[in-house]
Amino acid sequence: MGLKRLVTRNSTAKNEEIKIVNQPPSVKFYSLLDVVKTERIIEEVEKGNLVFLNIGRISAFPERKRDFLKTLKDRSSELHATLKMVSEETVMVAPHSVPIEIRSLSPLNISKKNRNDSD
């Protein structure tokens, strides 16, 4: 993960006032067509990127979907990444560097929060 300088809005900031902060992770979206290799996805997770996978097209083939998810789960466990179904057709793979608030989100929690905000 790269580093990024955070400069306060004060244009007269001195060098000692400039802070180094971690760059937030990128978010990658992939749509899976058929049997896919997990290496590309794992490489993104190793870089610290949050990955969302649309597995709708392989859902028609339950054995392929099962094998793919099993392989992905095994590889993500090695990296201590979170693998979560966030909808019927979407899988989230979040590296351990992603904040717990993001890794623990679920569609149910999001919809409840939106309903509470509208009151």
PDB file of N, CA and C in Angstrom:
ATOM      1  N   MET A   1       0.834  -1.160   0.000  1.00  0.00           N
ATOM      2  CA  MET A   1       0.000   0.000   0.000  1.00  0.00           C
ATOM      3  C   MET A   1       0.885   1.231   0.000  1.00  0.00           C
ATOM      4  N   GLY A   2       0.575   2.193  -0.817  1.00  0.00           N
ATOM      5  CA  GLY A   2       1.386   3.392  -0.907  1.00  0.00           C
ATOM      6  C   GLY A   2       1.078   4.375   0.197  1.00  0.00           C
ATOM      7  N   LEU A   3       1.912   5.375   0.288  1.00  0.00           N
ATOM      8  CA  LEU A   3       1.700   6.425   1.272  1.00  0.00           C
ATOM      9  C   LEU A   3       1.293   7.693   0.551  1.00  0.00           C
ATOM     10  N   LYS A   4       0.510   8.507   1.215  1.00  0.00           N
ATOM     11  CA  LYS A   4       0.016   9.728   0.623  1.00  0.00           C
ATOM     12  C   LYS A   4       0.222  10.847   1.634  1.00  0.00           C
ATOM     13  N   ARG A   5       0.580  12.017   1.169  1.00  0.00           N
ATOM     14  CA  ARG A   5       0.758  13.140   2.086  1.00  0.00           C
ATOM     15  C   ARG A   5      -0.583  13.829   2.314  1.00  0.00           C
ATOM     16  N   LEU A   6      -0.830  14.138   3.560  1.00  0.00           N
ATOM     17  CA  LEU A   6      -2.042  14.861   3.923  1.00  0.00           C
ATOM     18  C   LEU A   6      -1.619  16.267   4.320  1.00  0.00           C
ATOM     19  N   VAL A   7      -2.030  17.262   3.552  1.00  0.00           N
ATOM     20  CA  VAL A   7      -1.665  18.642   3.831  1.00  0.00           C
ATOM     21  C   VAL A   7      -2.916  19.349   4.314  1.00  0.00           C
ATOM     22  N   THR A   8      -2.771  20.065   5.418  1.00  0.00           N
ATOM     23  CA  THR A   8      -3.921  20.798   5.940  1.00  0.00           C
ATOM     24  C   THR A   8      -4.306  21.903   4.959  1.00  0.00           C
ATOM     25  N   ARG A   9      -5.495  22.423   5.084  1.00  0.00           N
ATOM     26  CA  ARG A   9      -5.980  23.456   4.166  1.00  0.00           C
ATOM     27  C   ARG A   9      -5.197  24.763   4.306  1.00  0.00           C
ATOM     28  N   ASN A  10      -4.506  24.930   5.407  1.00  0.00           N
ATOM     29  CA  ASN A  10      -3.716  26.128   5.624  1.00  0.00           C
ATOM     30  C   ASN A  10      -2.547  26.126   4.642  1.00  0.00           C
ATOM     31  N   SER A  11      -2.514  27.082   3.738  1.00  0.00           N
ATOM     32  CA  SER A  11      -1.478  27.102   2.708  1.00  0.00           C
ATOM     33  C   SER A  11      -0.102  27.435   3.264  1.00  0.00           C
ATOM     34  N   THR A  12      -0.039  27.887   4.490  1.00  0.00           N
ATOM     35  CA  THR A  12       1.256  28.211   5.097  1.00  0.00           C
ATOM     36  C   THR A  12       1.774  27.046   5.932  1.00  0.00           C
ATOM     37  N   ALA A  13       1.333  25.847   5.622  1.00  0.00           N
ATOM     38  CA  ALA A  13       1.753  24.668   6.383  1.00  0.00           C
ATOM     39  C   ALA A  13       3.249  24.457   6.242  1.00  0.00           C
ATOM     40  N   LYS A  14       3.880  24.161   7.357  1.00  0.00           N
ATOM     41  CA  LYS A  14       5.314  23.886   7.367  1.00  0.00           C
ATOM     42  C   LYS A  14       5.518  22.388   7.179  1.00  0.00           C
ATOM     43  N   ASN A  15       6.726  22.009   6.793  1.00  0.00           N
ATOM     44  CA  ASN A  15       7.017  20.602   6.544  1.00  0.00           C
ATOM     45  C   ASN A  15       6.678  19.722   7.735  1.00  0.00           C
ATOM     46  N   GLU A  16       6.934  20.186   8.959  1.00  0.00           N
ATOM     47  CA  GLU A  16       6.646  19.360  10.129  1.00  0.00           C
ATOM     48  C   GLU A  16       5.141  19.192  10.369  1.00  0.00           C
ATOM     49  N   GLU A  17       4.321  20.022   9.726  1.00  0.00           N
ATOM     50  CA  GLU A  17       2.871  19.913   9.872  1.00  0.00           C
ATOM     51  C   GLU A  17       2.258  18.959   8.848  1.00  0.00           C
ATOM     52  N   ILE A  18       3.065  18.513   7.888  1.00  0.00           N
ATOM     53  CA  ILE A  18       2.570  17.600   6.858  1.00  0.00           C
ATOM     54  C   ILE A  18       2.636  16.184   7.400  1.00  0.00           C
ATOM     55  N   LYS A  19       1.517  15.487   7.342  1.00  0.00           N
ATOM     56  CA  LYS A  19       1.424  14.133   7.882  1.00  0.00           C
ATOM     57  C   LYS A  19       1.431  13.123   6.743  1.00  0.00           C
ATOM     58  N   ILE A  20       2.004  11.953   7.012  1.00  0.00           N
ATOM     59  CA  ILE A  20       1.974  10.849   6.060  1.00  0.00           C
ATOM     60  C   ILE A  20       0.855   9.910   6.502  1.00  0.00           C
ATOM     61  N   VAL A  21      -0.059   9.598   5.599  1.00  0.00           N
ATOM     62  CA  VAL A  21      -1.170   8.698   5.925  1.00  0.00           C
ATOM     63  C   VAL A  21      -1.195   7.557   4.917  1.00  0.00           C
ATOM     64  N   ASN A  22      -1.763   6.443   5.320  1.00  0.00           N
ATOM     65  CA  ASN A  22      -1.912   5.314   4.402  1.00  0.00           C
ATOM     66  C   ASN A  22      -2.937   5.650   3.341  1.00  0.00           C
ATOM     67  N   GLN A  23      -2.656   5.250   2.129  1.00  0.00           N
ATOM     68  CA  GLN A  23      -3.594   5.464   1.033  1.00  0.00           C
ATOM     69  C   GLN A  23      -4.739   4.470   1.178  1.00  0.00           C
ATOM     70  N   PRO A  24      -5.973   4.923   1.032  1.00  0.00           N
ATOM     71  CA  PRO A  24      -7.098   3.987   1.149  1.00  0.00           C
ATOM     72  C   PRO A  24      -7.059   2.949   0.033  1.00  0.00           C
ATOM     73  N   PRO A  25      -7.674   1.791   0.260  1.00  0.00           N
ATOM     74  CA  PRO A  25      -7.648   0.748  -0.765  1.00  0.00           C
ATOM     75  C   PRO A  25      -8.491   1.125  -1.972  1.00  0.00           C
ATOM     76  N   SER A  26      -8.118   0.588  -3.102  1.00  0.00           N
ATOM     77  CA  SER A  26      -8.933   0.743  -4.306  1.00  0.00           C
ATOM     78  C   SER A  26     -10.067  -0.267  -4.240  1.00  0.00           C
ATOM     79  N   VAL A  27     -11.106  -0.010  -4.992  1.00  0.00           N
ATOM     80  CA  VAL A  27     -12.220  -0.946  -5.077  1.00  0.00           C
ATOM     81  C   VAL A  27     -12.274  -1.453  -6.511  1.00  0.00           C
ATOM     82  N   LYS A  28     -12.257  -2.772  -6.673  1.00  0.00           N
ATOM     83  CA  LYS A  28     -12.266  -3.392  -7.995  1.00  0.00           C
ATOM     84  C   LYS A  28     -13.553  -4.189  -8.155  1.00  0.00           C
ATOM     85  N   PHE A  29     -14.146  -4.127  -9.343  1.00  0.00           N
ATOM     86  CA  PHE A  29     -15.351  -4.886  -9.650  1.00  0.00           C
ATOM     87  C   PHE A  29     -15.053  -5.829 -10.810  1.00  0.00           C
ATOM     88  N   TYR A  30     -15.410  -7.088 -10.653  1.00  0.00           N
ATOM     89  CA  TYR A  30     -15.209  -8.077 -11.705  1.00  0.00           C
ATOM     90  C   TYR A  30     -16.513  -8.810 -11.956  1.00  0.00           C
ATOM     91  N   SER A  31     -16.759  -9.130 -13.223  1.00  0.00           N
ATOM     92  CA  SER A  31     -17.887  -9.967 -13.599  1.00  0.00           C
ATOM     93  C   SER A  31     -17.309 -11.265 -14.135  1.00  0.00           C
ATOM     94  N   LEU A  32     -17.689 -12.365 -13.539  1.00  0.00           N
ATOM     95  CA  LEU A  32     -17.114 -13.653 -13.906  1.00  0.00           C
ATOM     96  C   LEU A  32     -17.951 -14.316 -14.989  1.00  0.00           C
ATOM     97  N   LEU A  33     -17.299 -14.715 -16.064  1.00  0.00           N
ATOM     98  CA  LEU A  33     -18.014 -15.295 -17.195  1.00  0.00           C
ATOM     99  C   LEU A  33     -18.209 -16.790 -17.062  1.00  0.00           C
ATOM    100  N   ASP A  34     -17.223 -17.502 -16.637  1.00  0.00           N
ATOM    101  CA  ASP A  34     -17.301 -18.955 -16.575  1.00  0.00           C
ATOM    102  C   ASP A  34     -16.293 -19.397 -15.528  1.00  0.00           C
ATOM    103  N   VAL A  35     -15.627 -20.492 -15.762  1.00  0.00           N
ATOM    104  CA  VAL A  35     -14.598 -20.926 -14.831  1.00  0.00           C
ATOM    105  C   VAL A  35     -13.459 -19.920 -14.927  1.00  0.00           C
ATOM    106  N   VAL A  36     -13.092 -19.348 -13.812  1.00  0.00           N
ATOM    107  CA  VAL A  36     -12.063 -18.310 -13.824  1.00  0.00           C
ATOM    108  C   VAL A  36     -10.906 -18.707 -12.928  1.00  0.00           C
ATOM    109  N   LYS A  37      -9.778 -18.098 -13.189  1.00  0.00           N
ATOM    110  CA  LYS A  37      -8.621 -18.307 -12.335  1.00  0.00           C
ATOM    111  C   LYS A  37      -8.696 -17.307 -11.191  1.00  0.00           C
ATOM    112  N   THR A  38      -8.379 -17.767 -10.007  1.00  0.00           N
ATOM    113  CA  THR A  38      -8.454 -16.889  -8.844  1.00  0.00           C
ATOM    114  C   THR A  38      -7.205 -16.039  -8.683  1.00  0.00           C
ATOM    115  N   GLU A  39      -6.166 -16.313  -9.457  1.00  0.00           N
ATOM    116  CA  GLU A  39      -4.899 -15.597  -9.281  1.00  0.00           C
ATOM    117  C   GLU A  39      -5.049 -14.082  -9.434  1.00  0.00           C
ATOM    118  N   ARG A  40      -5.794 -13.644 -10.437  1.00  0.00           N
ATOM    119  CA  ARG A  40      -5.960 -12.204 -10.668  1.00  0.00           C
ATOM    120  C   ARG A  40      -6.672 -11.546  -9.488  1.00  0.00           C
ATOM    121  N   ILE A  41      -7.659 -12.223  -8.967  1.00  0.00           N
ATOM    122  CA  ILE A  41      -8.409 -11.698  -7.830  1.00  0.00           C
ATOM    123  C   ILE A  41      -7.515 -11.651  -6.597  1.00  0.00           C
ATOM    124  N   ILE A  42      -6.770 -12.726  -6.368  1.00  0.00           N
ATOM    125  CA  ILE A  42      -5.886 -12.797  -5.210  1.00  0.00           C
ATOM    126  C   ILE A  42      -4.798 -11.731  -5.296  1.00  0.00           C
ATOM    127  N   GLU A  43      -4.286 -11.464  -6.500  1.00  0.00           N
ATOM    128  CA  GLU A  43      -3.278 -10.412  -6.670  1.00  0.00           C
ATOM    129  C   GLU A  43      -3.826  -9.062  -6.231  1.00  0.00           C
ATOM    130  N   GLU A  44      -5.087  -8.778  -6.568  1.00  0.00           N
ATOM    131  CA  GLU A  44      -5.702  -7.513  -6.149  1.00  0.00           C
ATOM    132  C   GLU A  44      -5.821  -7.447  -4.630  1.00  0.00           C
ATOM    133  N   VAL A  45      -6.193  -8.559  -4.014  1.00  0.00           N
ATOM    134  CA  VAL A  45      -6.326  -8.602  -2.555  1.00  0.00           C
ATOM    135  C   VAL A  45      -4.956  -8.426  -1.906  1.00  0.00           C
ATOM    136  N   GLU A  46      -3.930  -9.051  -2.475  1.00  0.00           N
ATOM    137  CA  GLU A  46      -2.570  -8.896  -1.941  1.00  0.00           C
ATOM    138  C   GLU A  46      -2.110  -7.446  -2.005  1.00  0.00           C
ATOM    139  N   LYS A  47      -2.572  -6.703  -3.013  1.00  0.00           N
ATOM    140  CA  LYS A  47      -2.221  -5.285  -3.139  1.00  0.00           C
ATOM    141  C   LYS A  47      -2.998  -4.429  -2.139  1.00  0.00           C
ATOM    142  N   GLY A  48      -3.961  -5.034  -1.446  1.00  0.00           N
ATOM    143  CA  GLY A  48      -4.759  -4.292  -0.471  1.00  0.00           C
ATOM    144  C   GLY A  48      -6.045  -3.734  -1.031  1.00  0.00           C
ATOM    145  N   ASN A  49      -6.462  -4.198  -2.207  1.00  0.00           N
ATOM    146  CA  ASN A  49      -7.678  -3.695  -2.838  1.00  0.00           C
ATOM    147  C   ASN A  49      -8.905  -4.495  -2.411  1.00  0.00           C
ATOM    148  N   LEU A  50     -10.002  -3.799  -2.261  1.00  0.00           N
ATOM    149  CA  LEU A  50     -11.293  -4.405  -1.960  1.00  0.00           C
ATOM    150  C   LEU A  50     -11.896  -4.864  -3.285  1.00  0.00           C
ATOM    151  N   VAL A  51     -12.320  -6.133  -3.366  1.00  0.00           N
ATOM    152  CA  VAL A  51     -12.789  -6.702  -4.631  1.00  0.00           C
ATOM    153  C   VAL A  51     -14.235  -7.169  -4.491  1.00  0.00           C
ATOM    154  N   PHE A  52     -15.065  -6.777  -5.454  1.00  0.00           N
ATOM    155  CA  PHE A  52     -16.431  -7.277  -5.549  1.00  0.00           C
ATOM    156  C   PHE A  52     -16.529  -8.107  -6.821  1.00  0.00           C
ATOM    157  N   LEU A  53     -17.100  -9.307  -6.705  1.00  0.00           N
ATOM    158  CA  LEU A  53     -17.217 -10.219  -7.838  1.00  0.00           C
ATOM    159  C   LEU A  53     -18.682 -10.487  -8.135  1.00  0.00           C
ATOM    160  N   ASN A  54     -19.086 -10.267  -9.378  1.00  0.00           N
ATOM    161  CA  ASN A  54     -20.433 -10.631  -9.803  1.00  0.00           C
ATOM    162  C   ASN A  54     -20.351 -12.053 -10.337  1.00  0.00           C
ATOM    163  N   ILE A  55     -20.930 -12.994  -9.606  1.00  0.00           N
ATOM    164  CA  ILE A  55     -20.844 -14.404  -9.993  1.00  0.00           C
ATOM    165  C   ILE A  55     -22.148 -14.904 -10.602  1.00  0.00           C
ATOM    166  N   GLY A  56     -22.977 -13.984 -11.055  1.00  0.00           N
ATOM    167  CA  GLY A  56     -24.276 -14.349 -11.613  1.00  0.00           C
ATOM    168  C   GLY A  56     -24.210 -15.320 -12.769  1.00  0.00           C
ATOM    169  N   ARG A  57     -23.220 -15.161 -13.640  1.00  0.00           N
ATOM    170  CA  ARG A  57     -23.146 -16.012 -14.830  1.00  0.00           C
ATOM    171  C   ARG A  57     -22.689 -17.423 -14.513  1.00  0.00           C
ATOM    172  N   ILE A  58     -21.911 -17.609 -13.448  1.00  0.00           N
ATOM    173  CA  ILE A  58     -21.521 -18.983 -13.123  1.00  0.00           C
ATOM    174  C   ILE A  58     -22.508 -19.625 -12.158  1.00  0.00           C
ATOM    175  N   SER A  59     -23.480 -18.858 -11.683  1.00  0.00           N
ATOM    176  CA  SER A  59     -24.489 -19.413 -10.778  1.00  0.00           C
ATOM    177  C   SER A  59     -25.345 -20.470 -11.457  1.00  0.00           C
ATOM    178  N   ALA A  60     -25.417 -20.419 -12.774  1.00  0.00           N
ATOM    179  CA  ALA A  60     -26.191 -21.417 -13.520  1.00  0.00           C
ATOM    180  C   ALA A  60     -25.523 -22.787 -13.479  1.00  0.00           C
ATOM    181  N   PHE A  61     -24.272 -22.813 -13.082  1.00  0.00           N
ATOM    182  CA  PHE A  61     -23.516 -24.064 -12.985  1.00  0.00           C
ATOM    183  C   PHE A  61     -23.093 -24.258 -11.534  1.00  0.00           C
ATOM    184  N   PRO A  62     -23.962 -24.847 -10.711  1.00  0.00           N
ATOM    185  CA  PRO A  62     -23.696 -24.932  -9.268  1.00  0.00           C
ATOM    186  C   PRO A  62     -22.352 -25.569  -8.911  1.00  0.00           C
ATOM    187  N   GLU A  63     -21.944 -26.602  -9.657  1.00  0.00           N
ATOM    188  CA  GLU A  63     -20.672 -27.257  -9.324  1.00  0.00           C
ATOM    189  C   GLU A  63     -19.487 -26.329  -9.598  1.00  0.00           C
ATOM    190  N   ARG A  64     -19.556 -25.548 -10.664  1.00  0.00           N
ATOM    191  CA  ARG A  64     -18.484 -24.588 -10.959  1.00  0.00           C
ATOM    192  C   ARG A  64     -18.456 -23.480  -9.916  1.00  0.00           C
ATOM    193  N   LYS A  65     -19.635 -23.011  -9.550  1.00  0.00           N
ATOM    194  CA  LYS A  65     -19.724 -21.960  -8.538  1.00  0.00           C
ATOM    195  C   LYS A  65     -19.148 -22.463  -7.224  1.00  0.00           C
ATOM    196  N   ARG A  66     -19.539 -23.668  -6.820  1.00  0.00           N
ATOM    197  CA  ARG A  66     -19.059 -24.248  -5.566  1.00  0.00           C
ATOM    198  C   ARG A  66     -17.534 -24.400  -5.582  1.00  0.00           C
ATOM    199  N   ASP A  67     -16.997 -24.947  -6.683  1.00  0.00           N
ATOM    200  CA  ASP A  67     -15.548 -25.140  -6.788  1.00  0.00           C
ATOM    201  C   ASP A  67     -14.801 -23.805  -6.767  1.00  0.00           C
ATOM    202  N   PHE A  68     -15.337 -22.828  -7.494  1.00  0.00           N
ATOM    203  CA  PHE A  68     -14.697 -21.515  -7.531  1.00  0.00           C
ATOM    204  C   PHE A  68     -14.679 -20.878  -6.145  1.00  0.00           C
ATOM    205  N   LEU A  69     -15.832 -20.898  -5.467  1.00  0.00           N
ATOM    206  CA  LEU A  69     -15.905 -20.281  -4.141  1.00  0.00           C
ATOM    207  C   LEU A  69     -15.028 -21.009  -3.127  1.00  0.00           C
ATOM    208  N   LYS A  70     -14.946 -22.336  -3.241  1.00  0.00           N
ATOM    209  CA  LYS A  70     -14.084 -23.097  -2.331  1.00  0.00           C
ATOM    210  C   LYS A  70     -12.619 -22.713  -2.533  1.00  0.00           C
ATOM    211  N   THR A  71     -12.195 -22.645  -3.790  1.00  0.00           N
ATOM    212  CA  THR A  71     -10.815 -22.253  -4.086  1.00  0.00           C
ATOM    213  C   THR A  71     -10.536 -20.836  -3.599  1.00  0.00           C
ATOM    214  N   LEU A  72     -11.478 -19.932  -3.859  1.00  0.00           N
ATOM    215  CA  LEU A  72     -11.314 -18.542  -3.432  1.00  0.00           C
ATOM    216  C   LEU A  72     -11.266 -18.436  -1.913  1.00  0.00           C
ATOM    217  N   LYS A  73     -12.109 -19.213  -1.242  1.00  0.00           N
ATOM    218  CA  LYS A  73     -12.125 -19.198   0.226  1.00  0.00           C
ATOM    219  C   LYS A  73     -10.788 -19.683   0.789  1.00  0.00           C
ATOM    220  N   ASP A  74     -10.265 -20.767   0.219  1.00  0.00           N
ATOM    221  CA  ASP A  74      -8.980 -21.293   0.687  1.00  0.00           C
ATOM    222  C   ASP A  74      -7.862 -20.274   0.506  1.00  0.00           C
ATOM    223  N   ARG A  75      -7.816 -19.655  -0.666  1.00  0.00           N
ATOM    224  CA  ARG A  75      -6.754 -18.674  -0.939  1.00  0.00           C
ATOM    225  C   ARG A  75      -6.910 -17.423  -0.084  1.00  0.00           C
ATOM    226  N   SER A  76      -8.149 -16.967   0.110  1.00  0.00           N
ATOM    227  CA  SER A  76      -8.345 -15.761   0.912  1.00  0.00           C
ATOM    228  C   SER A  76      -8.047 -16.023   2.387  1.00  0.00           C
ATOM    229  N   SER A  77      -8.263 -17.254   2.858  1.00  0.00           N
ATOM    230  CA  SER A  77      -7.914 -17.597   4.244  1.00  0.00           C
ATOM    231  C   SER A  77      -6.412 -17.490   4.456  1.00  0.00           C
ATOM    232  N   GLU A  78      -5.642 -17.910   3.451  1.00  0.00           N
ATOM    233  CA  GLU A  78      -4.185 -17.808   3.543  1.00  0.00           C
ATOM    234  C   GLU A  78      -3.748 -16.356   3.715  1.00  0.00           C
ATOM    235  N   LEU A  79      -4.489 -15.434   3.118  1.00  0.00           N
ATOM    236  CA  LEU A  79      -4.155 -14.010   3.188  1.00  0.00           C
ATOM    237  C   LEU A  79      -4.857 -13.301   4.342  1.00  0.00           C
ATOM    238  N   HIS A  80      -5.612 -14.043   5.138  1.00  0.00           N
ATOM    239  CA  HIS A  80      -6.410 -13.473   6.230  1.00  0.00           C
ATOM    240  C   HIS A  80      -7.395 -12.429   5.698  1.00  0.00           C
ATOM    241  N   ALA A  81      -7.952 -12.699   4.530  1.00  0.00           N
ATOM    242  CA  ALA A  81      -8.928 -11.801   3.918  1.00  0.00           C
ATOM    243  C   ALA A  81     -10.339 -12.277   4.255  1.00  0.00           C
ATOM    244  N   THR A  82     -11.275 -11.356   4.226  1.00  0.00           N
ATOM    245  CA  THR A  82     -12.677 -11.666   4.477  1.00  0.00           C
ATOM    246  C   THR A  82     -13.362 -11.965   3.152  1.00  0.00           C
ATOM    247  N   LEU A  83     -14.031 -13.100   3.088  1.00  0.00           N
ATOM    248  CA  LEU A  83     -14.801 -13.489   1.905  1.00  0.00           C
ATOM    249  C   LEU A  83     -16.257 -13.535   2.335  1.00  0.00           C
ATOM    250  N   LYS A  84     -17.107 -12.733   1.676  1.00  0.00           N
ATOM    251  CA  LYS A  84     -18.497 -12.648   2.115  1.00  0.00           C
ATOM    252  C   LYS A  84     -19.429 -12.490   0.926  1.00  0.00           C
ATOM    253  N   MET A  85     -20.550 -13.218   0.973  1.00  0.00           N
ATOM    254  CA  MET A  85     -21.611 -13.025  -0.016  1.00  0.00           C
ATOM    255  C   MET A  85     -22.399 -11.792   0.430  1.00  0.00           C
ATOM    256  N   VAL A  86     -22.395 -10.747  -0.381  1.00  0.00           N
ATOM    257  CA  VAL A  86     -23.130  -9.544  -0.015  1.00  0.00           C
ATOM    258  C   VAL A  86     -24.485  -9.464  -0.707  1.00  0.00           C
ATOM    259  N   SER A  87     -24.702 -10.336  -1.686  1.00  0.00           N
ATOM    260  CA  SER A  87     -26.019 -10.507  -2.302  1.00  0.00           C
ATOM    261  C   SER A  87     -26.012 -11.886  -2.946  1.00  0.00           C
ATOM    262  N   GLU A  88     -27.109 -12.247  -3.600  1.00  0.00           N
ATOM    263  CA  GLU A  88     -27.182 -13.572  -4.218  1.00  0.00           C
ATOM    264  C   GLU A  88     -26.144 -13.763  -5.316  1.00  0.00           C
ATOM    265  N   GLU A  89     -25.731 -12.679  -5.953  1.00  0.00           N
ATOM    266  CA  GLU A  89     -24.804 -12.787  -7.075  1.00  0.00           C
ATOM    267  C   GLU A  89     -23.498 -12.035  -6.867  1.00  0.00           C
ATOM    268  N   THR A  90     -23.260 -11.498  -5.688  1.00  0.00           N
ATOM    269  CA  THR A  90     -22.059 -10.695  -5.466  1.00  0.00           C
ATOM    270  C   THR A  90     -21.274 -11.192  -4.266  1.00  0.00           C
ATOM    271  N   VAL A  91     -19.975 -11.370  -4.484  1.00  0.00           N
ATOM    272  CA  VAL A  91     -19.055 -11.794  -3.429  1.00  0.00           C
ATOM    273  C   VAL A  91     -18.087 -10.647  -3.168  1.00  0.00           C
ATOM    274  N   MET A  92     -17.830 -10.368  -1.891  1.00  0.00           N
ATOM    275  CA  MET A  92     -16.843  -9.361  -1.521  1.00  0.00           C
ATOM    276  C   MET A  92     -15.615 -10.071  -0.966  1.00  0.00           C
ATOM    277  N   VAL A  93     -14.439  -9.675  -1.432  1.00  0.00           N
ATOM    278  CA  VAL A  93     -13.179 -10.164  -0.878  1.00  0.00           C
ATOM    279  C   VAL A  93     -12.456  -8.936  -0.354  1.00  0.00           C
ATOM    280  N   ALA A  94     -12.296  -8.881   0.966  1.00  0.00           N
ATOM    281  CA  ALA A  94     -11.683  -7.715   1.598  1.00  0.00           C
ATOM    282  C   ALA A  94     -10.411  -8.115   2.326  1.00  0.00           C
ATOM    283  N   PRO A  95      -9.283  -7.493   1.983  1.00  0.00           N
ATOM    284  CA  PRO A  95      -8.050  -7.794   2.704  1.00  0.00           C
ATOM    285  C   PRO A  95      -8.137  -7.317   4.145  1.00  0.00           C
ATOM    286  N   HIS A  96      -7.267  -7.847   4.998  1.00  0.00           N
ATOM    287  CA  HIS A  96      -7.313  -7.485   6.416  1.00  0.00           C
ATOM    288  C   HIS A  96      -7.000  -6.015   6.645  1.00  0.00           C
ATOM    289  N   SER A  97      -6.420  -5.325   5.654  1.00  0.00           N
ATOM    290  CA  SER A  97      -6.104  -3.904   5.809  1.00  0.00           C
ATOM    291  C   SER A  97      -7.334  -3.009   5.661  1.00  0.00           C
ATOM    292  N   VAL A  98      -8.429  -3.560   5.143  1.00  0.00           N
ATOM    293  CA  VAL A  98      -9.667  -2.790   5.002  1.00  0.00           C
ATOM    294  C   VAL A  98     -10.325  -2.689   6.376  1.00  0.00           C
ATOM    295  N   PRO A  99     -10.807  -1.506   6.759  1.00  0.00           N
ATOM    296  CA  PRO A  99     -11.411  -1.344   8.091  1.00  0.00           C
ATOM    297  C   PRO A  99     -12.537  -2.340   8.358  1.00  0.00           C
ATOM    298  N   ILE A 100     -12.633  -2.756   9.610  1.00  0.00           N
ATOM    299  CA  ILE A 100     -13.632  -3.750  10.029  1.00  0.00           C
ATOM    300  C   ILE A 100     -15.050  -3.275   9.723  1.00  0.00           C
ATOM    301  N   GLU A 101     -15.282  -1.973   9.749  1.00  0.00           N
ATOM    302  CA  GLU A 101     -16.621  -1.449   9.455  1.00  0.00           C
ATOM    303  C   GLU A 101     -17.054  -1.813   8.044  1.00  0.00           C
ATOM    304  N   ILE A 102     -16.109  -1.836   7.126  1.00  0.00           N
ATOM    305  CA  ILE A 102     -16.431  -2.206   5.741  1.00  0.00           C
ATOM    306  C   ILE A 102     -16.537  -3.717   5.611  1.00  0.00           C
ATOM    307  N   ARG A 103     -15.586  -4.446   6.215  1.00  0.00           N
ATOM    308  CA  ARG A 103     -15.588  -5.903   6.099  1.00  0.00           C
ATOM    309  C   ARG A 103     -16.822  -6.523   6.735  1.00  0.00           C
ATOM    310  N   SER A 104     -17.414  -5.870   7.738  1.00  0.00           N
ATOM    311  CA  SER A 104     -18.551  -6.464   8.441  1.00  0.00           C
ATOM    312  C   SER A 104     -19.898  -6.016   7.890  1.00  0.00           C
ATOM    313  N   LEU A 105     -19.913  -5.195   6.858  1.00  0.00           N
ATOM    314  CA  LEU A 105     -21.184  -4.755   6.281  1.00  0.00           C
ATOM    315  C   LEU A 105     -21.929  -5.918   5.652  1.00  0.00           C
ATOM    316  N   SER A 106     -23.225  -5.878   5.779  1.00  0.00           N
ATOM    317  CA  SER A 106     -24.068  -6.861   5.106  1.00  0.00           C
ATOM    318  C   SER A 106     -25.272  -6.119   4.539  1.00  0.00           C
ATOM    319  N   PRO A 107     -25.900  -6.654   3.512  1.00  0.00           N
ATOM    320  CA  PRO A 107     -27.061  -5.975   2.931  1.00  0.00           C
ATOM    321  C   PRO A 107     -28.154  -5.710   3.960  1.00  0.00           C
ATOM    322  N   LEU A 108     -28.320  -6.621   4.914  1.00  0.00           N
ATOM    323  CA  LEU A 108     -29.337  -6.448   5.942  1.00  0.00           C
ATOM    324  C   LEU A 108     -29.018  -5.238   6.813  1.00  0.00           C
ATOM    325  N   ASN A 109     -27.765  -5.107   7.247  1.00  0.00           N
ATOM    326  CA  ASN A 109     -27.367  -3.965   8.072  1.00  0.00           C
ATOM    327  C   ASN A 109     -27.516  -2.654   7.319  1.00  0.00           C
ATOM    328  N   ILE A 110     -27.169  -2.651   6.045  1.00  0.00           N
ATOM    329  CA  ILE A 110     -27.262  -1.432   5.245  1.00  0.00           C
ATOM    330  C   ILE A 110     -28.714  -1.009   5.096  1.00  0.00           C
ATOM    331  N   SER A 111     -29.608  -1.948   4.793  1.00  0.00           N
ATOM    332  CA  SER A 111     -31.008  -1.585   4.597  1.00  0.00           C
ATOM    333  C   SER A 111     -31.646  -1.128   5.901  1.00  0.00           C
ATOM    334  N   LYS A 112     -31.271  -1.720   7.039  1.00  0.00           N
ATOM    335  CA  LYS A 112     -31.798  -1.272   8.331  1.00  0.00           C
ATOM    336  C   LYS A 112     -31.342   0.146   8.628  1.00  0.00           C
ATOM    337  N   LYS A 113     -30.067   0.434   8.353  1.00  0.00           N
ATOM    338  CA  LYS A 113     -29.532   1.760   8.619  1.00  0.00           C
ATOM    339  C   LYS A 113     -30.256   2.797   7.771  1.00  0.00           C
ATOM    340  N   ASN A 114     -30.482   2.490   6.496  1.00  0.00           N
ATOM    341  CA  ASN A 114     -31.177   3.426   5.616  1.00  0.00           C
ATOM    342  C   ASN A 114     -32.599   3.673   6.088  1.00  0.00           C
ATOM    343  N   ARG A 115     -33.258   2.639   6.595  1.00  0.00           N
ATOM    344  CA  ARG A 115     -34.618   2.824   7.105  1.00  0.00           C
ATOM    345  C   ARG A 115     -34.611   3.690   8.350  1.00  0.00           C
ATOM    346  N   ASN A 116     -33.626   3.516   9.226  1.00  0.00           N
ATOM    347  CA  ASN A 116     -33.541   4.318  10.447  1.00  0.00           C
ATOM    348  C   ASN A 116     -33.212   5.768  10.133  1.00  0.00           C
ATOM    349  N   ASP A 117     -32.393   6.014   9.114  1.00  0.00           N
ATOM    350  CA  ASP A 117     -32.032   7.375   8.739  1.00  0.00           C
ATOM    351  C   ASP A 117     -33.218   8.138   8.170  1.00  0.00           C
ATOM    352  N   SER A 118     -34.162   7.435   7.565  1.00  0.00           N
ATOM    353  CA  SER A 118     -35.291   8.108   6.925  1.00  0.00           C
ATOM    354  C   SER A 118     -36.381   8.505   7.914  1.00  0.00           C
ATOM    355  N   ASP A 119     -36.260   8.031   9.167  1.00  0.00           N
ATOM    356  CA  ASP A 119     -37.285   8.383  10.168  1.00  0.00           C
ATOM    357  C   ASP A 119     -37.200   9.826  10.587  1.00  0.00           C
TER     358      ASP A 119
END
